[in-house]
Protein backbone atom coordinates (compact mmCIF):
# COMPACT_ATOMS: atom_id res chain seq x y z
CA MET A 1 0.00 0.00 0.00
CA ARG A 2 1.16 3.53 -0.68
CA GLU A 3 2.18 5.75 2.22
CA SER A 4 -0.75 7.60 3.79
CA ILE A 5 -0.94 11.39 4.01
CA LYS A 6 0.59 12.58 7.27
CA PRO A 7 -1.65 14.55 9.66
CA GLY A 8 0.71 17.53 9.56
CA GLU A 9 0.49 17.69 5.79
CA MET A 10 -3.30 17.49 5.90
CA CYS A 11 -3.45 20.34 8.42
CA ALA A 12 -1.08 22.43 6.28
CA LEU A 13 -3.27 21.77 3.26
CA VAL A 14 -6.45 22.84 5.06
CA LEU A 15 -4.88 25.97 6.56
CA ARG A 16 -3.54 26.91 3.13
CA PHE A 17 -6.99 26.47 1.66
CA LEU A 18 -8.71 28.53 4.38
CA ALA A 19 -6.14 31.33 4.42
CA THR A 20 -5.98 31.85 0.64
CA VAL A 21 -8.29 31.93 -2.33
CA GLU A 22 -6.40 29.17 -4.13
CA SER A 23 -8.26 26.58 -6.16
CA PHE A 24 -8.01 22.82 -5.79
CA ARG A 25 -5.99 22.86 -9.03
CA SER A 26 -3.38 25.15 -7.46
CA LEU A 27 -3.28 23.07 -4.27
CA HIS A 28 -2.91 19.94 -6.41
CA PHE A 29 0.40 21.22 -7.83
CA GLN A 30 1.66 22.52 -4.46
CA PHE A 31 0.96 19.40 -2.42
CA ARG A 32 1.15 16.78 -5.18
CA LEU A 33 -2.23 15.37 -4.19
CA GLY A 34 -5.25 14.51 -6.30
CA ARG A 35 -8.11 16.98 -6.36
CA GLU A 36 -10.59 14.48 -4.98
CA THR A 37 -8.10 13.66 -2.21
CA ILE A 38 -7.78 17.36 -1.43
CA SER A 39 -11.54 17.79 -1.30
CA GLN A 40 -11.94 14.80 1.01
CA ALA A 41 -9.07 15.90 3.27
CA ILE A 42 -10.46 19.42 3.65
CA SER A 43 -13.89 18.08 4.53
CA GLU A 44 -12.57 15.55 7.07
CA VAL A 45 -10.13 17.93 8.79
CA CYS A 46 -12.64 20.77 9.05
CA LEU A 47 -15.20 18.42 10.54
CA ALA A 48 -12.62 17.10 13.03
CA VAL A 49 -11.56 20.62 14.02
CA TYR A 50 -15.12 21.60 14.86
CA GLU A 51 -15.97 18.34 16.63
CA GLU A 52 -12.83 18.37 18.78
CA MET A 53 -12.23 22.09 19.37
CA GLY A 54 -15.72 23.51 18.87
CA PRO A 55 -17.10 22.43 22.27
CA ILE A 56 -14.17 24.23 23.91
CA TYR A 57 -13.83 27.41 21.85
CA VAL A 58 -17.33 27.96 20.42
CA LYS A 59 -19.24 27.42 23.61
CA THR A 60 -22.46 29.24 24.39
CA PRO A 61 -22.41 30.56 27.96
CA ASN A 62 -24.69 28.50 30.17
CA SER A 63 -24.36 30.11 33.58
CA ARG A 64 -25.44 33.38 35.11
CA ARG A 65 -21.85 34.22 36.00
CA GLU A 66 -20.61 33.83 32.42
CA TRP A 67 -23.35 36.08 31.05
CA GLU A 68 -22.68 38.69 33.73
CA GLN A 69 -19.00 38.74 32.79
CA ILE A 70 -19.95 39.34 29.16
CA SER A 71 -22.34 42.13 30.17
CA ALA A 72 -19.61 43.76 32.26
CA LYS A 73 -17.23 43.75 29.28
CA PHE A 74 -19.86 45.37 27.04
CA GLU A 75 -20.37 48.08 29.63
CA GLU A 76 -16.63 48.61 30.11
CA ARG A 77 -15.64 48.67 26.45
CA TRP A 78 -18.74 49.79 24.61
CA ASN A 79 -20.42 51.90 27.32
CA LEU A 80 -23.80 50.21 27.41
CA PRO A 81 -24.90 47.97 30.32
CA ASN A 82 -27.22 44.95 30.32
CA ILE A 83 -25.96 43.84 26.87
CA LEU A 84 -25.17 40.17 26.31
CA GLY A 85 -24.24 40.01 22.63
CA ALA A 86 -24.67 41.31 19.09
CA ILE A 87 -26.67 39.16 16.67
CA ASP A 88 -26.33 39.30 12.91
CA GLY A 89 -26.30 37.14 9.79
CA LYS A 90 -23.70 36.69 7.06
CA ARG A 91 -24.09 34.93 3.74
CA ILE A 92 -21.48 32.35 2.76
CA ILE A 93 -21.43 32.60 -1.04
CA LEU A 94 -21.50 29.40 -3.10
CA GLU A 95 -21.36 28.42 -6.71
CA GLN A 96 -24.87 27.22 -7.50
CA PRO A 97 -25.18 23.66 -6.15
CA ILE A 98 -26.12 20.96 -8.65
CA ASN A 99 -29.88 20.48 -9.12
CA SER A 100 -30.66 23.09 -6.45
CA GLY A 101 -32.82 25.36 -8.60
CA SER A 102 -33.46 28.59 -6.70
CA ARG A 103 -33.28 27.02 -3.24
CA TYR A 104 -30.06 28.82 -2.28
CA HIS A 105 -30.63 31.96 -4.36
CA ASP A 106 -30.65 35.03 -2.11
CA TYR A 107 -31.94 38.57 -2.52
CA LYS A 108 -28.51 39.81 -3.66
CA GLY A 109 -28.53 37.48 -6.65
CA ASN A 110 -26.05 34.96 -5.22
CA ASP A 111 -26.36 31.38 -4.08
CA SER A 112 -25.51 31.10 -0.41
CA VAL A 113 -26.00 29.55 2.99
CA ILE A 114 -26.57 31.74 6.02
CA LEU A 115 -24.32 32.08 9.04
CA MET A 116 -26.32 33.42 12.01
CA ALA A 117 -24.07 34.36 14.91
CA VAL A 118 -24.15 35.80 18.41
CA VAL A 119 -20.94 37.78 18.97
CA GLY A 120 -19.38 38.82 22.28
CA PRO A 121 -17.63 42.09 23.23
CA GLU A 122 -14.19 40.83 22.16
CA TYR A 123 -15.28 39.76 18.65
CA GLU A 124 -15.65 36.16 19.77
CA PHE A 125 -18.46 33.96 18.45
CA LEU A 126 -20.68 32.82 21.31
CA ASN A 127 -23.22 30.88 19.29
CA VAL A 128 -23.41 30.04 15.57
CA ASP A 129 -25.95 28.45 13.27
CA VAL A 130 -24.85 27.68 9.71
CA GLY A 131 -26.55 26.02 6.76
CA MET A 132 -29.93 27.64 6.23
CA ASN A 133 -30.50 28.26 2.51
CA GLY A 134 -29.87 31.79 1.30
CA ARG A 135 -33.45 32.43 0.20
CA MET A 136 -34.30 33.03 3.84
CA SER A 137 -33.94 36.58 5.21
CA ASP A 138 -31.99 37.26 8.40
CA GLY A 139 -35.25 37.85 10.22
CA GLY A 140 -36.81 34.67 8.86
CA ASN A 141 -33.71 32.67 9.77
CA TRP A 142 -33.77 34.12 13.27
CA SER A 143 -37.42 33.17 13.72
CA ARG A 144 -36.44 29.50 13.29
CA ASN A 145 -33.21 29.71 15.25
CA SER A 146 -32.77 27.38 18.23
CA PHE A 147 -31.00 30.11 20.22
CA ARG A 148 -34.01 32.40 19.84
CA LYS A 149 -36.31 29.61 20.99
CA ALA A 150 -34.12 29.11 24.05
CA LEU A 151 -34.35 32.84 24.83
CA GLU A 152 -38.13 32.66 24.71
CA ASN A 153 -38.31 29.52 26.84
CA GLU A 154 -39.84 30.34 30.22
CA ASN A 155 -37.53 27.79 31.89
CA ASN A 156 -34.52 29.94 30.93
CA PRO A 157 -32.25 27.08 29.70
CA LEU A 158 -29.51 29.61 28.86
CA ARG A 159 -29.51 30.85 32.48
CA ILE A 160 -29.75 34.51 31.46
CA PRO A 161 -29.30 36.79 34.51
CA PRO A 162 -32.47 38.32 35.98
CA PRO A 163 -33.47 41.92 35.16
CA LYS A 164 -31.62 44.70 36.93
CA PRO A 165 -31.66 48.53 36.80
CA LEU A 166 -29.27 50.41 34.57
CA PRO A 167 -26.55 52.23 36.58
CA GLY A 168 -28.03 55.17 38.45
CA ARG A 169 -31.63 54.25 37.66
CA SER A 170 -34.33 52.41 39.61
CA LYS A 171 -36.40 50.51 37.02
CA SER A 172 -35.30 46.91 36.48
CA ILE A 173 -35.01 45.86 32.83
CA PRO A 174 -33.91 42.57 31.24
CA HIS A 175 -30.49 41.82 29.81
CA VAL A 176 -30.76 42.06 26.04
CA PHE A 177 -29.05 41.31 22.75
CA VAL A 178 -28.66 43.92 20.00
CA GLY A 179 -29.39 43.66 16.30
CA ASP A 180 -30.35 45.68 13.25
CA ASP A 181 -33.74 46.25 11.65
CA ALA A 182 -33.89 42.67 10.36
CA PHE A 183 -34.87 41.61 13.87
CA GLY A 184 -38.02 42.38 15.75
CA LEU A 185 -37.94 44.53 18.88
CA SER A 186 -38.66 42.38 21.94
CA SER A 187 -37.90 42.09 25.64
CA TYR A 188 -34.60 40.34 24.83
CA MET A 189 -33.71 42.11 21.54
CA MET A 190 -32.93 45.81 21.11
CA LYS A 191 -32.79 47.41 17.68
CA PRO A 192 -32.51 51.04 16.46
CA TYR A 193 -35.40 53.43 16.09
CA PRO A 194 -36.70 53.80 12.51
CA GLN A 195 -34.80 56.45 10.57
CA LEU A 196 -37.82 58.61 9.77
CA GLY A 197 -38.63 61.45 12.13
CA LEU A 198 -35.77 60.88 14.57
CA THR A 199 -35.62 63.15 17.59
CA GLU A 200 -32.34 64.14 19.22
CA GLU A 201 -32.56 61.47 21.90
CA LYS A 202 -33.45 58.76 19.39
CA ARG A 203 -30.45 59.65 17.22
CA ILE A 204 -28.22 59.45 20.26
CA PHE A 205 -29.66 56.06 21.22
CA ASN A 206 -29.19 54.72 17.68
CA TYR A 207 -25.56 55.78 17.73
CA ARG A 208 -24.89 54.28 21.15
CA LEU A 209 -26.62 51.05 20.18
CA SER A 210 -24.59 50.87 16.96
CA ARG A 211 -21.37 50.81 19.00
CA CYS A 212 -22.46 47.45 20.37
CA ARG A 213 -24.22 46.25 17.24
CA ARG A 214 -21.22 46.75 14.95
CA ILE A 215 -19.27 44.16 16.95
CA SER A 216 -20.95 41.44 14.90
CA GLU A 217 -20.09 43.11 11.60
CA ASN A 218 -16.50 43.60 12.74
CA ALA A 219 -16.25 39.93 13.72
CA PHE A 220 -17.43 38.87 10.26
CA GLY A 221 -14.85 41.21 8.75
CA ILE A 222 -12.05 39.77 10.86
CA LEU A 223 -13.17 36.23 9.98
CA SER A 224 -13.12 36.83 6.22
CA SER A 225 -9.89 38.83 6.43
CA ARG A 226 -8.07 36.04 8.24
CA TRP A 227 -9.67 33.18 6.28
CA ARG A 228 -9.74 34.57 2.77
CA VAL A 229 -11.54 31.54 1.40
CA PHE A 230 -14.72 33.52 2.15
CA ARG A 231 -13.69 36.23 -0.29
CA LYS A 232 -14.97 34.26 -3.28
CA PRO A 233 -17.76 31.75 -3.95
CA LEU A 234 -17.06 28.30 -2.54
CA LEU A 235 -16.99 25.55 -5.16
CA LEU A 236 -18.48 23.11 -2.69
CA GLN A 237 -21.80 21.58 -1.77
CA PRO A 238 -23.66 23.35 1.08
CA ARG A 239 -22.85 20.55 3.55
CA ARG A 240 -19.10 20.95 3.04
CA ALA A 241 -19.34 24.73 3.01
CA THR A 242 -21.03 24.50 6.40
CA SER A 243 -18.19 22.34 7.80
CA ILE A 244 -15.57 24.78 6.51
CA THR A 245 -17.40 27.75 8.04
CA LEU A 246 -17.70 26.06 11.44
CA ALA A 247 -14.00 25.11 11.39
CA ALA A 248 -12.96 28.66 10.47
CA ILE A 249 -15.06 30.09 13.32
CA THR A 250 -13.54 27.57 15.75
CA LEU A 251 -10.02 28.55 14.68
CA HIS A 252 -10.96 32.24 14.90
CA ASN A 253 -12.04 31.86 18.53
CA TRP A 254 -9.00 29.71 19.33
CA LEU A 255 -6.57 32.25 17.88
CA ARG A 256 -8.39 35.08 19.63
CA SER A 257 -8.15 33.36 23.00
CA GLU A 258 -4.52 32.29 22.55
CA THR A 259 -2.84 35.24 20.89
CA GLU A 260 -5.12 38.28 20.80
CA ALA A 261 -5.90 39.07 24.43
CA GLY A 262 -3.76 42.19 24.28
CA GLN A 263 -4.78 43.10 20.72
CA ILE A 264 -8.48 43.45 21.52
CA GLN A 265 -7.89 46.49 23.69
CA HIS A 266 -5.60 47.93 20.99
CA LEU A 267 -8.33 47.48 18.38
CA GLN A 268 -10.81 49.18 20.67
CA ASP A 269 -8.37 52.07 21.22
CA LEU A 270 -8.15 52.57 17.45
CA THR A 271 -11.93 52.78 17.12
CA GLU A 272 -12.67 54.46 20.45
CA ASP A 273 -14.41 57.82 20.51
CA ASN A 274 -11.81 60.22 21.84
CA GLY A 275 -9.83 63.18 20.57
CA SER A 276 -8.60 61.21 17.56
CA HIS A 277 -11.98 59.63 16.90
CA THR A 278 -12.91 58.68 13.35
CA GLU A 279 -16.65 59.07 13.12
CA ASP A 280 -18.68 55.94 12.46
CA ASN A 281 -21.73 56.77 10.39
CA SER A 282 -22.85 53.20 9.78
CA TRP A 283 -25.84 53.69 12.06
CA LEU A 284 -27.17 56.37 9.70
CA ASN A 285 -27.65 53.82 6.92
CA LEU A 286 -29.48 51.03 8.66
CA GLU A 287 -31.50 49.08 6.13
CA ASP A 288 -35.18 48.65 6.89
CA PHE A 289 -36.10 45.02 6.25
CA GLY A 290 -39.76 45.47 7.12
CA LEU A 291 -42.13 46.24 9.94
CA HIS A 292 -42.23 44.26 13.16
CA ASN A 293 -44.93 44.56 15.79
CA ALA A 294 -43.30 45.21 19.15
CA THR A 295 -44.94 44.90 22.54
CA GLN A 296 -45.35 47.84 24.87
CA GLU A 297 -42.94 46.10 27.25
CA ALA A 298 -40.22 46.04 24.58
CA LYS A 299 -40.82 49.68 23.70
CA GLY A 300 -40.61 50.56 27.39
CA ILE A 301 -37.26 48.80 27.69
CA ARG A 302 -35.90 50.70 24.70
CA LYS A 303 -37.20 53.95 26.17
CA GLU A 304 -35.40 53.17 29.44
CA PHE A 305 -32.15 52.67 27.52
CA THR A 306 -32.78 55.92 25.65
CA GLU A 307 -33.25 57.89 28.87
CA TYR A 308 -30.13 56.28 30.30
CA VAL A 309 -27.86 57.33 27.42
CA MET A 310 -29.26 60.87 27.64
CA LYS A 311 -28.77 61.19 31.40
CA GLU A 312 -26.83 58.85 33.69
CA GLY A 313 -24.99 57.07 30.86
CA THR A 314 -24.00 60.08 28.77
CA VAL A 315 -20.55 59.97 27.17
CA PRO A 316 -18.95 63.23 25.95
CA TRP A 317 -18.40 62.23 22.33
CA GLN A 318 -21.95 61.04 21.60
CA TRP A 319 -23.15 64.53 20.67
CA ARG A 320 -20.46 65.06 18.05
CA SER A 321 -20.65 61.53 16.70
CA ALA A 322 -24.44 61.64 16.31
CA HIS A 323 -24.21 64.99 14.47
CA ILE A 324 -26.32 66.78 17.04
CA LEU A 325 -23.96 69.69 17.62
């Protein structure tokens, strides 16, 4: 029998594939392996990476203490308390799968699968769901998401901390996640005010919320910058594309935890709102994906946050950054 491929060579092959935009043909000449062998090796290694390392590095918090630590980091670094994560979706672009018709065809004209992620204050992925066909909107994907169902479960399987007042205030409000207009406003999800007819305080709230919300977009940017395989359509079936995405996220969290502890604060310093602040106007262009009926309770929670950022939680740069002055 011929000599088998060594584990180190297989890992080098997979890392090369993830970190570049090279084709199987190019990898075939570099590693002197058949294209079918390369495809099989990438699939097997990515699956093994997620199965072995995923439970350690892509682990959804399941205790009150863990969630409280995340909330404290959001308050410390992004100046908004009672926040547990930023939720957003990203489309993993594919070449049209064989015999798939329009199943994976999304609203941007591409074929894709959706990555729905909950991101923490240090650009780490706390929870991911990959594989839903691209025809589904972010809001529609979220409505079927198991994490959302856990949030709405009265038994609180995620062990979310109980409501507490914002600093300096007396009314207790729940801990929440933040998202854009693709998500409905609820007691556990905060989103910006609609862009029409914004008052001063609503503009300020939208800006302050965007500082937490953009964490998810930044995390997707870091992921695709480090693993450049996501810069072009994947010539793979959706099942294998899902395995590759999960492996890349696992490696992202592993590298963040091992080598980037000191870099996170540096990245924040570069984007922080101080004397050398570069204004972030992304909150001014939030896309409206449709109307969502919100309860009075959810509107009351958002109003409490709004009053907090205008009073007890005011930061000096919010007026300039929100174009009020």
